[in-house]
Amino acid sequence: MGAVNIWNAMEVADDARENPNLCSDIQSSSLTIDHSLSLPDMKPRLIQLCQDLFKKWSNLDFSRFSVETVSGGITNLLLKVTIKEENGNEELVTVRLYGPNTEIVINRERELQAIKYLSAAGFGAKLLGVFGNGMVQSFINARTLTPPDMRMPKLAAEIARELRKFHEVEIPGSKEPQLWNDISRFFDKASILKFDDNEKQGIYKTISFEEVNDQIVELKELTCLLNAPVVFAHNDLLSGNLMVNDQEEKLYLIDFEYGSYNYRGFDIGNHFNEYAGYDCDYSLYPHKDEQYHFFRHYLQPEKPHEVSDEDLEALYVESNTYMLASHLYWALWALIQAKMSPIDFDYLGYFFLRYNEYKRQKENYFLLARSYLSGSRAG
């Protein structure tokens, strides 16, 4: 893991030399920090990292640094470092430690490539430095949204407008959509696991991967008929990756580690799935009127009420069909995490939550898509 991420850091440093206007201020370090350390044990290593990355702080006394945890999700650990400089100024940075084994499901090279261009376009925190198993970014003074926040009409409209702008950012490299490549890669890894824990192995053995594969093939064939636009997508737009400064009324999209070129409908459908929150209460999935409100502000941010019924219906079908792919994607992701992640989370249970919801919703949205497609051909 460390060697791969150090190599990525060197790649970013090379990009900085080649594109001085874009990323000349991105620093790199080969240091790594043990994700499992307690905060008191981690603090001196974090200070050493900051001093290695940023020469202006290299001679500051350790007492001028303070460290606190911002969040500890099921993928990364986020820490805020406050630095009191000798001139009396105070600076804040965010250190993100990649979760152990996350490079199995996250393409860190792709993330670092994209984040420079997204940051330049005004999205997320500014990338300041990269190191062996993480990155340092500017600190965003804002609160993280909760799942109920996302369905508030004013915030939903703002998320839609920001997502439209996000989708318009051009990232160099291949524009090939990654959804089915990623699902295929996840399937290959998820279908050959073996758990040391007998109970987990017993649960795992109840999964029919032949059935899962059939579902993937069938859904891929259907979505291909929709000709959905390909955009650079966030792919993980849950409430934890949205922040808002209430005083300035500014919304931030953050954490682009799953970002890739992908189908527009997948990004939107995946976001709608996140209305269910961390408890996966899918009764909270947005109803048609809520979705149409979102679509209007996504399709025509300046004149949302001039969006045609035809365009609303087309995006409704697209988003809800790709919503099904979101369930398959994260279900397979969860199986890999169940084996690889040291984090105490019921990933196996999460697989069944997502896969069973896929099966529950499948008939309704397959029928919707096929009816729409037959009507389009007739027209």
Protein backbone atom coordinates (compact mmCIF):
# COMPACT_ATOMS: atom_id res chain seq x y z
CA MET A 1 0.00 0.00 0.00
CA GLY A 2 2.70 2.49 1.04
CA ALA A 3 4.81 1.93 -2.05
CA VAL A 4 1.84 2.44 -4.36
CA ASN A 5 0.84 5.69 -2.67
CA ILE A 6 4.42 7.01 -2.58
CA TRP A 7 4.59 6.39 -6.32
CA ASN A 8 1.35 8.33 -6.74
CA ALA A 9 2.84 11.19 -4.73
CA MET A 10 5.82 11.25 -7.08
CA GLU A 11 3.46 11.31 -10.06
CA VAL A 12 1.70 14.38 -8.66
CA ALA A 13 5.05 16.05 -8.07
CA ASP A 14 5.95 15.34 -11.72
CA ASP A 15 2.63 16.85 -12.83
CA ALA A 16 3.42 19.93 -10.75
CA ARG A 17 6.63 20.44 -12.70
CA GLU A 18 4.83 19.95 -16.02
CA ASN A 19 1.83 22.17 -15.13
CA PRO A 20 3.24 24.92 -12.88
CA ASN A 21 0.17 27.13 -13.13
CA LEU A 22 -2.12 24.32 -12.04
CA CYS A 23 -0.35 22.68 -9.15
CA SER A 24 2.97 24.37 -8.41
CA ASP A 25 2.14 24.61 -4.72
CA ILE A 26 1.50 20.87 -4.19
CA GLN A 27 4.17 19.42 -1.92
CA SER A 28 5.07 15.73 -1.53
CA SER A 29 6.52 13.56 1.21
CA SER A 30 7.33 9.86 1.44
CA LEU A 31 6.28 9.71 5.11
CA THR A 32 3.39 7.44 6.15
CA ILE A 33 1.23 7.52 9.28
CA ASP A 34 -0.18 4.45 10.99
CA HIS A 35 -3.98 4.71 10.74
CA SER A 36 -4.45 2.59 13.90
CA LEU A 37 -2.52 4.85 16.31
CA SER A 38 -4.33 6.73 19.07
CA LEU A 39 -4.56 10.49 18.55
CA PRO A 40 -1.87 11.29 21.19
CA ASP A 41 0.53 8.83 19.52
CA MET A 42 -0.38 10.09 16.06
CA LYS A 43 0.12 13.78 16.88
CA PRO A 44 3.96 13.93 16.77
CA ARG A 45 3.95 12.05 13.46
CA LEU A 46 1.38 14.45 12.01
CA ILE A 47 3.48 17.41 13.11
CA GLN A 48 6.58 15.84 11.56
CA LEU A 49 4.61 15.34 8.34
CA CYS A 50 3.49 18.98 8.24
CA GLN A 51 7.04 20.14 8.87
CA ASP A 52 8.35 17.87 6.12
CA LEU A 53 5.76 19.06 3.61
CA PHE A 54 5.76 22.77 4.45
CA LYS A 55 9.19 24.29 5.03
CA LYS A 56 7.74 27.46 6.60
CA TRP A 57 6.73 25.33 9.60
CA SER A 58 9.87 23.18 9.75
CA ASN A 59 11.39 25.02 12.72
CA LEU A 60 8.23 25.66 14.72
CA ASP A 61 8.01 24.18 18.19
CA PHE A 62 5.64 21.22 18.53
CA SER A 63 3.61 23.24 21.05
CA ARG A 64 2.42 25.46 18.19
CA PHE A 65 0.55 22.55 16.61
CA SER A 66 -2.79 21.15 17.75
CA VAL A 67 -4.57 18.14 16.26
CA GLU A 68 -8.16 16.99 16.47
CA THR A 69 -10.27 14.37 14.71
CA VAL A 70 -12.81 15.74 12.25
CA SER A 71 -14.33 12.40 11.29
CA GLY A 72 -13.66 8.72 11.18
CA GLY A 73 -15.78 7.18 8.46
CA ILE A 74 -15.76 3.67 7.08
CA THR A 75 -13.06 4.55 4.55
CA ASN A 76 -10.82 7.39 5.73
CA LEU A 77 -9.71 9.24 8.86
CA LEU A 78 -9.93 13.02 8.70
CA LEU A 79 -7.88 15.24 11.03
CA LYS A 80 -7.67 19.00 11.52
CA VAL A 81 -4.24 20.46 12.28
CA THR A 82 -4.08 24.02 13.65
CA ILE A 83 -0.76 25.86 13.44
CA LYS A 84 0.00 29.03 15.43
CA GLU A 85 2.73 30.80 13.51
CA GLU A 86 5.36 33.03 15.11
CA ASN A 87 3.78 36.15 13.58
CA GLY A 88 0.56 35.41 15.45
CA ASN A 89 -1.34 34.10 12.45
CA GLU A 90 -3.24 30.84 12.71
CA GLU A 91 -3.48 28.38 9.84
CA LEU A 92 -5.60 25.25 9.51
CA VAL A 93 -5.13 22.24 7.26
CA THR A 94 -6.94 18.93 6.91
CA VAL A 95 -4.99 15.68 6.84
CA ARG A 96 -6.79 12.74 5.23
CA LEU A 97 -5.42 9.28 6.01
CA TYR A 98 -6.49 6.63 3.55
CA GLY A 99 -8.17 3.64 5.18
CA PRO A 100 -6.18 0.38 5.22
CA ASN A 101 -6.53 -1.66 2.02
CA THR A 102 -8.73 0.97 0.37
CA GLU A 103 -6.48 0.97 -2.71
CA ILE A 104 -8.16 -2.35 -3.58
CA VAL A 105 -11.41 -0.52 -4.42
CA ILE A 106 -10.13 3.04 -5.00
CA ASN A 107 -7.87 4.12 -7.85
CA ARG A 108 -5.65 6.62 -6.00
CA GLU A 109 -3.79 7.63 -9.13
CA ARG A 110 -7.11 8.52 -10.80
CA GLU A 111 -8.18 10.45 -7.70
CA LEU A 112 -5.00 12.53 -7.52
CA GLN A 113 -5.17 13.25 -11.24
CA ALA A 114 -8.74 14.52 -10.95
CA ILE A 115 -8.48 16.43 -7.70
CA LYS A 116 -6.04 18.99 -9.12
CA TYR A 117 -8.43 19.95 -11.90
CA LEU A 118 -11.52 19.87 -9.70
CA SER A 119 -9.78 22.06 -7.14
CA ALA A 120 -8.77 24.51 -9.88
CA ALA A 121 -12.44 24.59 -10.94
CA GLY A 122 -13.46 25.54 -7.39
CA PHE A 123 -14.59 22.17 -6.06
CA GLY A 124 -13.69 20.79 -2.67
CA ALA A 125 -10.70 21.71 -0.58
CA LYS A 126 -7.47 22.81 -2.21
CA LEU A 127 -4.87 20.04 -2.49
CA LEU A 128 -1.75 21.22 -0.66
CA GLY A 129 0.33 18.07 -0.34
CA VAL A 130 0.46 14.32 -0.76
CA PHE A 131 2.27 11.71 1.31
CA GLY A 132 2.69 7.95 1.57
CA ASN A 133 -0.85 7.10 2.68
CA GLY A 134 -2.86 10.27 2.42
CA MET A 135 -3.14 13.92 1.44
CA VAL A 136 -3.20 17.36 3.04
CA GLN A 137 -5.85 19.86 1.98
CA SER A 138 -7.04 23.30 2.94
CA PHE A 139 -9.57 23.38 5.76
CA ILE A 140 -13.20 24.08 4.81
CA ASN A 141 -15.10 26.09 7.39
CA ALA A 142 -18.48 24.44 6.96
CA ARG A 143 -20.71 21.77 8.44
CA THR A 144 -21.34 18.36 6.96
CA LEU A 145 -24.87 17.78 5.73
CA THR A 146 -27.17 15.17 7.24
CA PRO A 147 -29.40 12.93 5.08
CA PRO A 148 -32.54 14.99 5.93
CA ASP A 149 -30.71 18.16 4.79
CA MET A 150 -30.36 16.79 1.28
CA ARG A 151 -34.11 16.67 0.68
CA MET A 152 -34.76 20.25 1.81
CA PRO A 153 -35.92 22.04 -1.38
CA LYS A 154 -33.43 24.92 -1.15
CA LEU A 155 -30.45 22.65 -0.51
CA ALA A 156 -31.61 20.06 -3.05
CA ALA A 157 -31.70 22.79 -5.71
CA GLU A 158 -28.22 23.98 -4.76
CA ILE A 159 -26.84 20.43 -4.85
CA ALA A 160 -28.35 20.00 -8.33
CA ARG A 161 -26.79 23.25 -9.57
CA GLU A 162 -23.36 22.37 -8.13
CA LEU A 163 -23.52 18.86 -9.55
CA ARG A 164 -24.28 20.30 -12.99
CA LYS A 165 -21.13 22.47 -12.73
CA PHE A 166 -19.14 19.48 -11.45
CA HIS A 167 -20.22 17.43 -14.46
CA GLU A 168 -18.95 20.16 -16.78
CA VAL A 169 -15.34 19.95 -15.54
CA GLU A 170 -12.96 18.43 -18.08
CA ILE A 171 -10.41 15.99 -16.67
CA PRO A 172 -7.55 14.98 -19.02
CA GLY A 173 -7.24 11.36 -20.05
CA SER A 174 -9.66 8.67 -21.13
CA LYS A 175 -13.35 9.58 -21.14
CA GLU A 176 -14.44 5.94 -20.99
CA PRO A 177 -17.24 5.47 -18.42
CA GLN A 178 -15.99 3.29 -15.58
CA LEU A 179 -19.22 1.93 -14.06
CA TRP A 180 -19.26 -1.52 -15.63
CA ASN A 181 -15.47 -1.82 -15.51
CA ASP A 182 -15.58 -1.16 -11.78
CA ILE A 183 -18.54 -3.49 -11.18
CA SER A 184 -16.78 -6.24 -13.16
CA ARG A 185 -13.59 -5.71 -11.16
CA PHE A 186 -15.52 -5.75 -7.87
CA PHE A 187 -17.39 -8.89 -8.94
CA ASP A 188 -14.17 -10.73 -9.79
CA LYS A 189 -12.72 -9.97 -6.35
CA ALA A 190 -15.96 -10.44 -4.39
CA SER A 191 -16.80 -13.83 -5.89
CA ILE A 192 -13.60 -15.61 -4.76
CA LEU A 193 -13.35 -14.54 -1.11
CA LYS A 194 -12.70 -16.86 1.80
CA PHE A 195 -13.33 -15.74 5.38
CA ASP A 196 -11.41 -17.06 8.38
CA ASP A 197 -14.47 -16.48 10.54
CA ASN A 198 -16.77 -19.50 10.13
CA GLU A 199 -19.93 -17.50 10.71
CA LYS A 200 -18.98 -14.96 8.04
CA GLN A 201 -18.00 -17.74 5.65
CA GLY A 202 -21.35 -19.40 6.21
CA ILE A 203 -23.22 -16.17 5.41
CA TYR A 204 -21.00 -15.54 2.37
CA LYS A 205 -21.73 -19.04 1.02
CA THR A 206 -25.46 -18.21 0.82
CA ILE A 207 -24.77 -15.70 -1.97
CA SER A 208 -25.43 -16.95 -5.49
CA PHE A 209 -22.80 -15.22 -7.62
CA GLU A 210 -24.31 -16.77 -10.71
CA GLU A 211 -27.51 -14.89 -9.91
CA VAL A 212 -25.61 -11.68 -9.18
CA ASN A 213 -23.76 -11.98 -12.49
CA ASP A 214 -27.05 -12.49 -14.36
CA GLN A 215 -28.42 -9.32 -12.74
CA ILE A 216 -25.34 -7.35 -13.80
CA VAL A 217 -25.58 -8.55 -17.42
CA GLU A 218 -29.31 -7.82 -17.64
CA LEU A 219 -29.02 -4.34 -16.13
CA LYS A 220 -26.02 -3.42 -18.27
CA GLU A 221 -27.92 -4.36 -21.43
CA LEU A 222 -30.89 -2.23 -20.38
CA THR A 223 -28.89 0.86 -19.36
CA CYS A 224 -26.91 0.79 -22.61
CA LEU A 225 -30.17 1.43 -24.48
CA LEU A 226 -30.66 4.73 -22.63
CA ASN A 227 -27.61 6.43 -24.21
CA ALA A 228 -26.97 8.38 -21.02
CA PRO A 229 -24.46 11.24 -21.28
CA VAL A 230 -20.97 10.51 -19.94
CA VAL A 231 -19.59 13.11 -17.52
CA PHE A 232 -16.89 13.28 -14.88
CA ALA A 233 -18.97 11.99 -11.98
CA HIS A 234 -18.50 12.17 -8.21
CA ASN A 235 -19.97 8.65 -7.77
CA ASP A 236 -20.29 8.93 -3.97
CA LEU A 237 -22.51 11.93 -3.30
CA LEU A 238 -23.78 11.01 0.14
CA SER A 239 -24.49 13.57 2.88
CA GLY A 240 -21.00 13.11 4.37
CA ASN A 241 -19.46 14.38 1.13
CA LEU A 242 -21.52 17.57 1.11
CA MET A 243 -20.74 20.55 3.31
CA VAL A 244 -22.41 23.93 3.71
CA ASN A 245 -21.37 27.22 5.26
CA ASP A 246 -24.73 28.45 6.52
CA GLN A 247 -23.58 32.06 6.99
CA GLU A 248 -22.22 32.38 3.45
CA GLU A 249 -24.83 29.95 2.04
CA LYS A 250 -22.04 28.17 0.17
CA LEU A 251 -22.20 24.48 -0.66
CA TYR A 252 -19.13 22.29 -1.08
CA LEU A 253 -18.79 18.92 -2.81
CA ILE A 254 -15.85 17.09 -1.23
CA ASP A 255 -13.94 13.78 -1.35
CA PHE A 256 -13.47 12.70 -4.95
CA GLU A 257 -11.83 9.33 -4.33
CA TYR A 258 -14.49 7.43 -6.30
CA GLY A 259 -14.64 10.08 -9.03
CA SER A 260 -14.37 8.95 -12.65
CA TYR A 261 -15.90 9.46 -16.04
CA ASN A 262 -19.26 7.80 -15.75
CA TYR A 263 -22.91 7.93 -16.70
CA ARG A 264 -24.79 11.02 -15.58
CA GLY A 265 -27.75 8.95 -14.40
CA PHE A 266 -25.54 6.86 -12.11
CA ASP A 267 -24.30 9.92 -10.24
CA ILE A 268 -27.82 11.25 -9.75
CA GLY A 269 -29.42 7.87 -8.96
CA ASN A 270 -26.64 7.09 -6.50
CA HIS A 271 -27.24 10.44 -4.79
CA PHE A 272 -30.95 9.69 -4.48
CA ASN A 273 -30.14 6.35 -2.84
CA GLU A 274 -28.26 8.28 -0.17
CA TYR A 275 -31.50 9.95 0.95
CA ALA A 276 -31.93 6.68 2.86
CA GLY A 277 -29.17 7.74 5.23
CA TYR A 278 -26.78 5.58 7.18
CA ASP A 279 -29.63 3.38 8.40
CA CYS A 280 -30.55 2.53 4.79
CA ASP A 281 -34.20 3.45 5.23
CA TYR A 282 -35.17 3.25 1.57
CA SER A 283 -38.69 4.45 2.32
CA LEU A 284 -36.95 7.86 2.25
CA TYR A 285 -36.00 7.49 -1.44
CA PRO A 286 -37.18 10.71 -3.12
CA HIS A 287 -40.62 10.61 -4.71
CA LYS A 288 -41.21 11.82 -8.25
CA ASP A 289 -41.99 15.44 -7.36
CA GLU A 290 -38.78 15.72 -5.32
CA GLN A 291 -36.78 14.25 -8.16
CA TYR A 292 -38.35 16.61 -10.69
CA HIS A 293 -37.43 19.57 -8.44
CA PHE A 294 -33.82 18.35 -8.50
CA PHE A 295 -33.86 17.74 -12.27
CA ARG A 296 -35.19 21.22 -13.04
CA HIS A 297 -32.32 22.88 -11.19
CA TYR A 298 -29.81 20.46 -12.70
CA LEU A 299 -30.95 20.81 -16.31
CA GLN A 300 -31.60 24.57 -16.36
CA PRO A 301 -30.10 26.22 -13.25
CA GLU A 302 -31.04 29.72 -14.41
CA LYS A 303 -34.58 28.88 -15.59
CA PRO A 304 -35.62 25.71 -13.74
CA HIS A 305 -39.31 26.11 -14.49
CA GLU A 306 -38.73 26.15 -18.24
CA VAL A 307 -37.54 22.54 -18.37
CA SER A 308 -39.80 20.52 -20.66
CA ASP A 309 -41.86 17.56 -19.49
CA GLU A 310 -40.02 15.40 -22.03
CA ASP A 311 -36.63 16.27 -20.54
CA LEU A 312 -37.88 15.64 -17.01
CA GLU A 313 -39.27 12.24 -17.95
CA ALA A 314 -36.07 11.25 -19.78
CA LEU A 315 -33.85 12.10 -16.81
CA TYR A 316 -36.29 10.42 -14.43
CA VAL A 317 -36.03 7.15 -16.35
CA GLU A 318 -32.26 7.47 -16.73
CA SER A 319 -31.58 8.23 -13.06
CA ASN A 320 -33.87 5.56 -11.65
CA THR A 321 -32.52 2.85 -13.94
CA TYR A 322 -28.94 3.68 -12.99
CA MET A 323 -30.06 3.84 -9.36
CA LEU A 324 -30.29 0.05 -9.61
CA ALA A 325 -26.65 -0.10 -10.72
CA SER A 326 -25.73 1.91 -7.63
CA HIS A 327 -27.12 -0.87 -5.43
CA LEU A 328 -25.09 -3.53 -7.27
CA TYR A 329 -21.93 -1.42 -7.17
CA TRP A 330 -21.99 -0.82 -3.41
CA ALA A 331 -23.20 -4.33 -2.62
CA LEU A 332 -20.13 -5.84 -4.29
CA TRP A 333 -17.91 -3.15 -2.77
CA ALA A 334 -19.19 -4.16 0.67
CA LEU A 335 -18.20 -7.80 0.18
CA ILE A 336 -14.61 -6.81 -0.58
CA GLN A 337 -14.56 -4.53 2.45
CA ALA A 338 -15.96 -7.33 4.62
CA LYS A 339 -12.80 -9.29 3.88
CA MET A 340 -10.20 -6.51 3.65
CA SER A 341 -11.22 -3.71 6.00
CA PRO A 342 -10.14 -3.70 9.68
CA ILE A 343 -12.93 -1.25 10.48
CA ASP A 344 -15.69 -2.58 12.75
CA PHE A 345 -18.66 -2.37 10.41
CA ASP A 346 -21.14 -5.01 9.26
CA TYR A 347 -20.13 -4.99 5.61
CA LEU A 348 -21.69 -8.40 4.96
CA GLY A 349 -25.00 -7.13 6.28
CA TYR A 350 -24.61 -4.06 4.07
CA PHE A 351 -24.24 -6.30 1.01
CA PHE A 352 -27.63 -7.86 1.70
CA LEU A 353 -29.25 -4.47 2.40
CA ARG A 354 -28.17 -3.14 -0.98
CA TYR A 355 -28.69 -6.33 -3.00
CA ASN A 356 -32.14 -6.99 -1.54
CA GLU A 357 -33.17 -3.39 -2.25
CA TYR A 358 -32.00 -3.85 -5.84
CA LYS A 359 -34.20 -6.93 -6.19
CA ARG A 360 -37.14 -5.16 -4.55
CA GLN A 361 -36.95 -2.20 -6.94
CA LYS A 362 -35.89 -4.06 -10.07
CA GLU A 363 -39.25 -4.99 -11.58
CA ASN A 364 -40.74 -1.52 -11.18
CA TYR A 365 -37.85 0.37 -12.76
CA PHE A 366 -37.12 -2.20 -15.47
CA LEU A 367 -40.76 -1.85 -16.50
CA LEU A 368 -40.45 1.95 -16.43
CA ALA A 369 -37.33 1.93 -18.62
CA ARG A 370 -38.70 -0.59 -21.12
CA SER A 371 -41.99 1.27 -21.41
CA TYR A 372 -40.12 4.54 -21.99
CA LEU A 373 -37.83 2.98 -24.58
CA SER A 374 -40.69 1.37 -26.49
CA GLY A 375 -42.53 4.69 -26.51
CA SER A 376 -39.44 6.51 -27.74
CA ARG A 377 -38.99 4.07 -30.61
CA ALA A 378 -42.66 4.35 -31.53
CA GLY A 379 -42.36 8.14 -31.51
